[in-house]
C-alpha atoms as a PDB file:
ATOM      1  CA  UNK A   1      -6.525  -3.874   6.008  1.00  0.00           C
ATOM      2  CA  UNK A   2      -6.170  -1.582   3.000  1.00  0.00           C
ATOM      3  CA  UNK A   3      -7.031   2.123   3.296  1.00  0.00           C
ATOM      4  CA  UNK A   4      -9.941   1.812   0.881  1.00  0.00           C
ATOM      5  CA  UNK A   5     -11.340  -1.087   2.906  1.00  0.00           C
ATOM      6  CA  UNK A   6     -11.090   0.980   6.108  1.00  0.00           C
ATOM      7  CA  UNK A   7     -12.913   3.819   4.393  1.00  0.00           C
ATOM      8  CA  UNK A   8     -15.665   1.401   3.378  1.00  0.00           C
ATOM      9  CA  UNK A   9     -15.984   0.188   6.977  1.00  0.00           C
ATOM     10  CA  UNK A  10     -16.327   3.734   8.284  1.00  0.00           C
ATOM     11  CA  UNK A  11     -18.905   4.559   5.594  1.00  0.00           C
ATOM     12  CA  UNK A  12     -20.865   1.406   6.433  1.00  0.00           C
ATOM     13  CA  UNK A  13     -20.917   2.219  10.151  1.00  0.00           C
ATOM     14  CA  UNK A  14     -22.004   5.796   9.414  1.00  0.00           C
ATOM     15  CA  UNK A  15     -24.886   4.680   7.201  1.00  0.00           C
ATOM     16  CA  UNK A  16     -26.008   1.736   9.345  1.00  0.00           C
ATOM     17  CA  UNK A  17     -25.983   3.583  12.661  1.00  0.00           C
ATOM     18  CA  UNK A  18     -26.529   7.117  11.456  1.00  0.00           C
ATOM     19  CA  UNK A  19     -23.528   8.486  13.348  1.00  0.00           C
ATOM     20  CA  UNK A  20     -20.991  11.128  12.416  1.00  0.00           C
ATOM     21  CA  UNK A  21     -17.653  10.374  10.808  1.00  0.00           C
ATOM     22  CA  UNK A  22     -15.931  11.497  14.003  1.00  0.00           C
ATOM     23  CA  UNK A  23     -17.886   9.067  16.165  1.00  0.00           C
ATOM     24  CA  UNK A  24     -17.484   6.166  13.702  1.00  0.00           C
ATOM     25  CA  UNK A  25     -13.719   6.702  13.531  1.00  0.00           C
ATOM     26  CA  UNK A  26     -13.425   6.956  17.307  1.00  0.00           C
ATOM     27  CA  UNK A  27     -15.452   3.768  17.782  1.00  0.00           C
ATOM     28  CA  UNK A  28     -13.366   1.804  15.275  1.00  0.00           C
ATOM     29  CA  UNK A  29     -10.080   3.234  16.567  1.00  0.00           C
ATOM     30  CA  UNK A  30      -9.097   4.940  13.351  1.00  0.00           C
ATOM     31  CA  UNK A  31      -7.713   8.437  12.832  1.00  0.00           C
ATOM     32  CA  UNK A  32     -10.059  10.746  10.975  1.00  0.00           C
ATOM     33  CA  UNK A  33      -7.233  11.996   8.766  1.00  0.00           C
ATOM     34  CA  UNK A  34      -7.155   8.605   7.062  1.00  0.00           C
ATOM     35  CA  UNK A  35     -10.681   9.282   5.805  1.00  0.00           C
ATOM     36  CA  UNK A  36      -9.726  12.475   4.055  1.00  0.00           C
ATOM     37  CA  UNK A  37      -6.686  11.434   2.065  1.00  0.00           C
ATOM     38  CA  UNK A  38      -7.400   9.411  -1.063  1.00  0.00           C
ATOM     39  CA  UNK A  39      -4.513   7.073  -1.778  1.00  0.00           C
ATOM     40  CA  UNK A  40      -3.195   7.094  -5.298  1.00  0.00           C
ATOM     41  CA  UNK A  41      -1.318   4.115  -6.582  1.00  0.00           C
ATOM     42  CA  UNK A  42       1.400   4.436  -9.148  1.00  0.00           C
ATOM     43  CA  UNK A  43       0.600   3.195 -12.636  1.00  0.00           C
ATOM     44  CA  UNK A  44       3.651   0.910 -12.754  1.00  0.00           C
ATOM     45  CA  UNK A  45       3.166  -0.600  -9.276  1.00  0.00           C
ATOM     46  CA  UNK A  46       1.798  -3.944 -10.529  1.00  0.00           C
ATOM     47  CA  UNK A  47       4.625  -4.417 -13.055  1.00  0.00           C
ATOM     48  CA  UNK A  48       7.261  -3.498 -10.474  1.00  0.00           C
ATOM     49  CA  UNK A  49       5.769  -5.894  -7.929  1.00  0.00           C
ATOM     50  CA  UNK A  50       5.728  -8.677 -10.529  1.00  0.00           C
ATOM     51  CA  UNK A  51       9.389  -8.008 -11.402  1.00  0.00           C
ATOM     52  CA  UNK A  52      10.386  -7.994  -7.727  1.00  0.00           C
ATOM     53  CA  UNK A  53       8.597 -11.305  -7.145  1.00  0.00           C
ATOM     54  CA  UNK A  54      10.248 -12.825 -10.212  1.00  0.00           C
ATOM     55  CA  UNK A  55      13.712 -11.695  -9.098  1.00  0.00           C
ATOM     56  CA  UNK A  56      13.082 -12.938  -5.555  1.00  0.00           C
ATOM     57  CA  UNK A  57      11.946 -16.289  -6.949  1.00  0.00           C
ATOM     58  CA  UNK A  58      14.986 -16.531  -9.218  1.00  0.00           C
ATOM     59  CA  UNK A  59      17.600 -15.414  -6.675  1.00  0.00           C
ATOM     60  CA  UNK A  60      16.125 -16.890  -3.520  1.00  0.00           C
ATOM     61  CA  UNK A  61      17.400 -15.203  -0.426  1.00  0.00           C
ATOM     62  CA  UNK A  62      18.421 -11.869  -1.941  1.00  0.00           C
ATOM     63  CA  UNK A  63      17.293  -8.930   0.134  1.00  0.00           C
ATOM     64  CA  UNK A  64      15.865  -5.634  -1.017  1.00  0.00           C
ATOM     65  CA  UNK A  65      19.264  -4.039  -1.675  1.00  0.00           C
ATOM     66  CA  UNK A  66      20.485  -6.622  -4.231  1.00  0.00           C
ATOM     67  CA  UNK A  67      16.994  -6.770  -5.751  1.00  0.00           C
ATOM     68  CA  UNK A  68      17.074  -2.964  -6.134  1.00  0.00           C
ATOM     69  CA  UNK A  69      20.455  -3.194  -7.856  1.00  0.00           C
ATOM     70  CA  UNK A  70      19.124  -5.838 -10.260  1.00  0.00           C
ATOM     71  CA  UNK A  71      16.061  -3.721 -11.010  1.00  0.00           C
ATOM     72  CA  UNK A  72      18.233  -0.698 -11.757  1.00  0.00           C
ATOM     73  CA  UNK A  73      20.405  -2.809 -14.089  1.00  0.00           C
ATOM     74  CA  UNK A  74      17.288  -3.853 -15.976  1.00  0.00           C
ATOM     75  CA  UNK A  75      16.199  -0.224 -16.478  1.00  0.00           C
ATOM     76  CA  UNK A  76      13.879   0.545 -13.558  1.00  0.00           C
ATOM     77  CA  UNK A  77      14.319   3.918 -11.879  1.00  0.00           C
ATOM     78  CA  UNK A  78      13.387   2.772  -8.408  1.00  0.00           C
ATOM     79  CA  UNK A  79      14.194   3.897  -4.899  1.00  0.00           C
ATOM     80  CA  UNK A  80      15.628   1.482  -2.347  1.00  0.00           C
ATOM     81  CA  UNK A  81      12.885   2.350   0.146  1.00  0.00           C
ATOM     82  CA  UNK A  82      10.152   1.668  -2.399  1.00  0.00           C
ATOM     83  CA  UNK A  83      11.510  -1.830  -3.088  1.00  0.00           C
ATOM     84  CA  UNK A  84      11.766  -2.491   0.643  1.00  0.00           C
ATOM     85  CA  UNK A  85       8.166  -1.359   1.148  1.00  0.00           C
ATOM     86  CA  UNK A  86       6.859  -3.610  -1.642  1.00  0.00           C
END
């Protein structure tokens, strides 16, 4: 479940039952710190994901390391861990 979806669930429980954020998080088994931090996506995330999918489709069983090398050859400045995460 995405972080924004979890936040929506907590907000719904708070409004529907009239309970505190602390109690709603405890009931749903979620850390309260996840409610405070607003996730920010990178502006190029969708294009990078599309390029990774295209390379994976073209080269089949390549892992994240060869895909990262191909991305760097095509001009992306991307970290190995970011490609692995996506």
